[in-house]
């Protein structure tokens, strides 16, 4: 079930699900490559290794689109126990490709004085 209280992200989405399975089982599914392969195929990963791991709580992977322009993103899975003995799974998917970052630019009109040299 999606949580409407989650703030909107500019370059991504954040979803939250309530699962009946215990956190240990969900952790195995998101962190063990053989099990993760069933729902997050290796072809979707830019790197098969996790980019960050907090054991039992959070794991992040780098993804790459399979179609041009082959943008890259990060997906983070956070798990916490819920009140029913199950698991709250939060999925945070953020587009974070260097090609989309705006270069730092100075303003065309910086309100400075124009100084000219006499020839």
Protein backbone atom coordinates (compact mmCIF):
# COMPACT_ATOMS: atom_id res chain seq x y z
CA UNK A 1 0.00 0.00 0.00
CA UNK A 2 1.37 3.43 -0.90
CA UNK A 3 1.73 6.00 1.85
CA UNK A 4 0.37 9.42 0.80
CA UNK A 5 2.40 11.15 3.57
CA UNK A 6 5.71 10.44 1.83
CA UNK A 7 7.09 13.68 0.35
CA UNK A 8 7.28 13.95 -3.43
CA UNK A 9 10.79 13.68 -4.85
CA UNK A 10 12.00 15.82 -7.73
CA UNK A 11 14.00 13.13 -9.57
CA UNK A 12 12.49 9.95 -8.22
CA UNK A 13 9.73 8.10 -6.48
CA UNK A 14 9.29 6.64 -3.02
CA UNK A 15 6.86 3.82 -2.29
CA UNK A 16 6.03 1.98 0.93
CA UNK A 17 4.54 -1.50 1.23
CA UNK A 18 3.33 -3.50 4.22
CA UNK A 19 4.33 -7.16 3.87
CA UNK A 20 3.18 -10.15 5.93
CA UNK A 21 6.64 -11.75 5.88
CA UNK A 22 9.14 -11.19 8.73
CA UNK A 23 11.99 -8.68 8.18
CA UNK A 24 14.64 -11.45 8.03
CA UNK A 25 12.91 -13.08 5.06
CA UNK A 26 12.48 -9.77 3.22
CA UNK A 27 16.14 -8.92 3.89
CA UNK A 28 17.23 -12.22 2.33
CA UNK A 29 15.09 -11.51 -0.75
CA UNK A 30 16.60 -8.06 -1.36
CA UNK A 31 20.21 -8.80 -0.43
CA UNK A 32 20.93 -12.34 -1.72
CA UNK A 33 21.83 -12.15 -5.44
CA UNK A 34 20.19 -15.49 -6.35
CA UNK A 35 16.88 -14.47 -4.73
CA UNK A 36 17.05 -10.82 -5.86
CA UNK A 37 17.52 -12.04 -9.46
CA UNK A 38 13.86 -13.21 -9.50
CA UNK A 39 12.48 -9.69 -9.35
CA UNK A 40 15.48 -7.39 -9.99
CA UNK A 41 17.45 -8.99 -12.85
CA UNK A 42 21.19 -8.52 -13.09
CA UNK A 43 20.75 -6.96 -16.55
CA UNK A 44 19.03 -3.98 -14.88
CA UNK A 45 21.99 -3.38 -12.57
CA UNK A 46 24.86 -1.09 -13.52
CA UNK A 47 26.92 -3.00 -10.95
CA UNK A 48 25.92 -6.39 -9.48
CA UNK A 49 27.31 -5.42 -6.07
CA UNK A 50 25.36 -3.23 -3.65
CA UNK A 51 26.66 0.34 -3.43
CA UNK A 52 25.77 0.60 0.26
CA UNK A 53 24.54 -1.85 2.87
CA UNK A 54 23.30 -1.50 6.43
CA UNK A 55 22.80 -5.18 7.32
CA UNK A 56 19.21 -6.07 8.09
CA UNK A 57 17.95 -2.52 7.42
CA UNK A 58 18.91 -1.01 4.07
CA UNK A 59 20.59 -1.89 0.77
CA UNK A 60 21.17 0.29 -2.33
CA UNK A 61 21.90 -0.73 -5.91
CA UNK A 62 22.95 1.21 -9.01
CA UNK A 63 20.62 0.63 -11.98
CA UNK A 64 21.03 1.37 -15.70
CA UNK A 65 18.24 1.73 -18.25
CA UNK A 66 18.25 -0.88 -21.00
CA UNK A 67 17.34 1.67 -23.71
CA UNK A 68 19.08 4.85 -24.89
CA UNK A 69 20.16 7.18 -23.37
CA UNK A 70 20.99 4.47 -20.76
CA UNK A 71 20.44 6.71 -17.73
CA UNK A 72 21.62 5.52 -14.33
CA UNK A 73 19.75 5.67 -11.04
CA UNK A 74 19.94 4.45 -7.45
CA UNK A 75 17.35 2.27 -5.80
CA UNK A 76 17.33 1.86 -2.02
CA UNK A 77 15.34 -0.74 -0.09
CA UNK A 78 14.66 0.01 3.58
CA UNK A 79 13.01 -2.51 5.82
CA UNK A 80 11.58 -2.11 9.30
CA UNK A 81 9.40 -4.39 11.40
CA UNK A 82 5.76 -3.39 11.55
CA UNK A 83 3.23 -3.78 14.38
CA UNK A 84 1.69 -6.94 12.84
CA UNK A 85 4.92 -8.95 12.92
CA UNK A 86 5.50 -8.30 9.23
CA UNK A 87 7.70 -5.82 7.41
CA UNK A 88 7.43 -2.26 6.13
CA UNK A 89 9.36 -2.09 2.87
CA UNK A 90 10.22 1.37 1.56
CA UNK A 91 11.59 1.58 -2.00
CA UNK A 92 13.33 4.82 -2.95
CA UNK A 93 14.24 5.13 -6.63
CA UNK A 94 16.16 8.27 -7.60
CA UNK A 95 17.41 9.31 -11.01
CA UNK A 96 21.02 10.33 -10.42
CA UNK A 97 22.79 10.43 -13.76
CA UNK A 98 25.70 12.88 -14.11
CA UNK A 99 24.47 13.85 -17.59
CA UNK A 100 21.30 15.34 -16.09
CA UNK A 101 23.05 17.66 -13.65
CA UNK A 102 23.00 21.29 -14.65
CA UNK A 103 26.42 22.90 -14.95
CA UNK A 104 27.15 25.86 -12.68
CA UNK A 105 26.64 29.05 -14.67
CA UNK A 106 27.07 32.69 -13.88
CA UNK A 107 24.22 35.04 -14.58
CA UNK A 108 24.38 36.84 -17.92
CA UNK A 109 23.74 40.10 -16.10
CA UNK A 110 25.70 40.15 -12.89
CA UNK A 111 24.96 43.86 -12.27
CA UNK A 112 28.66 44.69 -12.32
CA UNK A 113 30.18 47.79 -13.85
CA UNK A 114 31.32 47.56 -17.43
CA UNK A 115 34.83 48.88 -17.73
CA UNK A 116 36.22 49.54 -21.16
CA UNK A 117 39.77 50.41 -22.15
CA UNK A 118 40.56 53.23 -24.44
CA UNK A 119 42.47 52.10 -27.51
